[in-house]
Structures are given as C-alpha cells and as structure tokens.
Protein backbone atom coordinates (compact mmCIF):
# COMPACT_ATOMS: atom_id res chain seq x y z
CA MET A 1 -0.22 -0.41 0.08
CA LYS A 2 2.90 2.30 0.79
CA PHE A 3 4.05 1.60 -2.77
CA LEU A 4 0.88 3.20 -4.43
CA GLN A 5 0.64 5.41 -2.14
CA LEU A 6 4.64 6.64 -3.11
CA ILE A 7 3.36 6.87 -6.58
CA LEU A 8 -0.14 8.59 -6.58
CA LEU A 9 2.28 10.96 -4.81
CA TYR A 10 4.50 11.24 -7.49
CA PHE A 11 2.02 11.89 -10.38
CA LEU A 12 0.41 14.65 -7.51
CA ILE A 13 3.54 16.28 -7.09
CA PHE A 14 4.14 16.53 -10.98
CA SER A 15 0.25 17.63 -11.86
CA VAL A 16 1.14 20.49 -9.01
CA CYS A 17 3.79 21.45 -10.44
CA ASP A 18 3.42 21.54 -14.09
CA SER A 19 1.85 25.03 -15.05
CA GLN A 20 0.50 24.03 -18.37
CA ALA A 21 -3.21 22.50 -18.55
CA GLN A 22 -2.52 19.17 -21.35
CA ALA A 23 -5.28 19.68 -24.49
CA GLY A 24 -4.23 16.21 -25.53
CA LYS A 25 -3.85 17.30 -29.44
CA PHE A 26 -1.16 15.15 -31.35
CA SER A 27 0.15 15.69 -34.62
CA ILE A 28 -0.14 12.52 -36.41
CA ASP A 29 3.50 12.34 -35.89
CA ASP A 30 3.78 12.59 -32.61
CA LYS A 31 1.14 9.88 -32.02
CA LEU A 32 3.16 7.48 -34.12
CA LEU A 33 6.49 8.41 -32.22
CA GLN A 34 4.56 7.84 -28.77
CA ASP A 35 3.02 4.15 -30.05
CA SER A 36 6.24 3.52 -30.71
CA ILE A 37 7.80 4.43 -27.88
CA TYR A 38 4.75 2.14 -25.78
CA LYS A 39 5.38 -1.08 -28.14
CA SER A 40 9.26 -0.88 -28.19
CA ASN A 41 9.23 -0.09 -23.90
CA LYS A 42 5.98 -2.07 -22.71
CA LYS A 43 7.98 -5.02 -21.44
CA LYS A 44 10.87 -3.27 -20.16
CA VAL A 45 8.86 -0.75 -18.00
CA SER A 46 6.65 -3.21 -16.45
CA ASN A 47 9.64 -5.15 -14.84
CA PHE A 48 11.21 -1.76 -13.55
CA SER A 49 11.71 -1.55 -9.86
CA MET A 50 10.23 1.19 -7.90
CA LYS A 51 13.99 2.54 -7.97
CA GLU A 52 14.31 2.41 -11.23
CA PHE A 53 10.76 4.27 -11.84
CA ASP A 54 12.10 6.77 -8.90
CA SER A 55 14.81 7.72 -11.44
CA LEU A 56 13.26 8.17 -14.21
CA PHE A 57 10.55 10.08 -12.62
CA PHE A 58 13.11 12.58 -11.28
CA ASP A 59 14.88 12.68 -14.16
CA PHE A 60 12.05 14.06 -15.76
CA PHE A 61 10.92 16.21 -13.39
CA ASN A 62 14.28 17.59 -13.06
CA LYS A 63 14.98 18.08 -16.90
CA LYS A 64 11.33 19.42 -17.30
CA ASN A 65 11.86 22.20 -14.39
CA ASP A 66 15.29 23.23 -15.65
CA PRO A 67 15.52 26.61 -17.34
CA LYS A 68 18.59 25.13 -19.05
CA VAL A 69 17.86 21.68 -20.88
CA ILE A 70 15.37 21.54 -23.63
CA LEU A 71 14.82 17.90 -24.47
CA THR A 72 13.94 16.93 -27.77
CA LYS A 73 10.46 15.41 -28.68
CA THR A 74 12.29 11.77 -28.55
CA GLU A 75 13.42 12.34 -25.23
CA PHE A 76 10.39 14.19 -23.96
CA TYR A 77 7.90 11.17 -25.22
CA ASN A 78 10.46 8.71 -24.02
CA TYR A 79 9.84 9.61 -20.52
CA THR A 80 6.11 10.76 -20.49
CA VAL A 81 5.30 7.17 -22.51
CA GLN A 82 7.43 5.08 -20.04
CA ILE A 83 5.59 6.98 -16.89
CA ALA A 84 2.23 6.19 -18.43
CA THR A 85 3.27 2.39 -18.90
CA PHE A 86 4.38 2.29 -15.38
CA SER A 87 0.38 2.98 -14.91
CA ASP A 88 -0.30 -0.51 -16.20
CA ARG A 89 2.16 -2.35 -13.99
CA LEU A 90 0.18 -0.69 -11.34
CA ALA A 91 -3.29 -2.07 -12.67
CA ALA A 92 -1.86 -5.34 -12.67
CA LEU A 93 -0.49 -5.38 -8.94
CA TYR A 94 -3.12 -2.81 -7.49
CA PRO A 95 -6.74 -4.40 -9.19
CA GLU A 96 -8.10 -2.15 -6.65
CA GLN A 97 -6.48 0.98 -7.97
CA LYS A 98 -7.52 0.19 -11.30
CA GLU A 99 -9.31 3.08 -12.17
CA VAL A 100 -6.76 5.24 -10.53
CA ALA A 101 -4.20 4.15 -12.76
CA ALA A 102 -5.75 4.26 -16.17
CA GLN A 103 -6.82 8.17 -15.11
CA ASN A 104 -2.71 8.56 -14.63
CA LYS A 105 -1.89 6.85 -17.86
CA GLU A 106 -3.91 8.84 -19.70
CA LYS A 107 -2.71 11.97 -18.22
CA TRP A 108 0.84 11.34 -19.01
CA LEU A 109 0.29 10.26 -22.56
CA SER A 110 -1.93 13.49 -22.89
CA GLU A 111 1.89 15.06 -22.14
CA ASN A 112 2.21 17.36 -25.31
CA TYR A 113 5.71 18.11 -26.74
CA GLU A 114 4.32 21.83 -28.04
CA GLU A 115 3.03 22.36 -24.79
CA TYR A 116 6.14 21.65 -23.13
CA LEU A 117 7.89 23.88 -25.65
CA GLN A 118 6.12 27.31 -24.80
CA TYR A 119 6.48 26.09 -20.99
CA LYS A 120 9.90 26.10 -21.51
CA ALA A 121 9.63 29.53 -22.93
CA SER A 122 7.96 31.25 -20.27
CA GLN A 123 10.80 30.02 -18.05
CA LYS A 124 13.26 31.85 -19.79
CA LYS A 125 10.82 35.29 -19.31
C-alpha cells in the first residue's frame, strides 16, 4: 500500500508543478512516436523496480523544470510514455486501483511536446 501511495504522490507532485493545462492535441507524427515508444518499452517498463521508476520520474521532473535543458521530442515522449506505461504495472499489482492507474496513464499520454516547449519558453522570461 505504501508503494501505491508513493506513486500517487509522485503523480500529484508533478501535476501540481505542471503549470500547463494539457489539451491532448497531437500531430499524427507525435502519436506515431508515442505508439512506437510504448511498444518498444512496454516490457522493460513493466519490469521496472521502484528505484528505476523513481530515477526515471525524477530525471524527467528535474529536466522539465531546469530552464537550461530542453528535451528533444523523442526524449520528452520517452519519459512521458514510460511513466504512463508504469501505470499498467500498478493496475496489475493493485487491481482495486485500476481506475486511478488508467487515469494516470491517460494524463501522462496526454502530455504534449508543443505545450512543453511553450512552458520552456515561459521559463526564460
């Protein structure tokens, strides 16, 4: 149960710190890139330890909020899709939290690179 609470806390922290509302509008290229990343990482991410997930999550969080770092589109979606994919594991481990895991997955898959770039531009002002 502590494991699930920790994951939910991470999602909450990121949501609070994310000042951009996510519209979920993607170009076809973005959606194809997300699908490709999901397919190529699903098995690896489903076997992540909590330590590996923590590392991924905090690395993304730190890079997103560092005004000196701008992720490429592939890097950005690599992070967001892998974080979303980890929700599949949570749903399998905690079936009673399946709905929460599905909502978290959808939230992370709705992260948009163009909005990320707008956020980065606002950091420089």
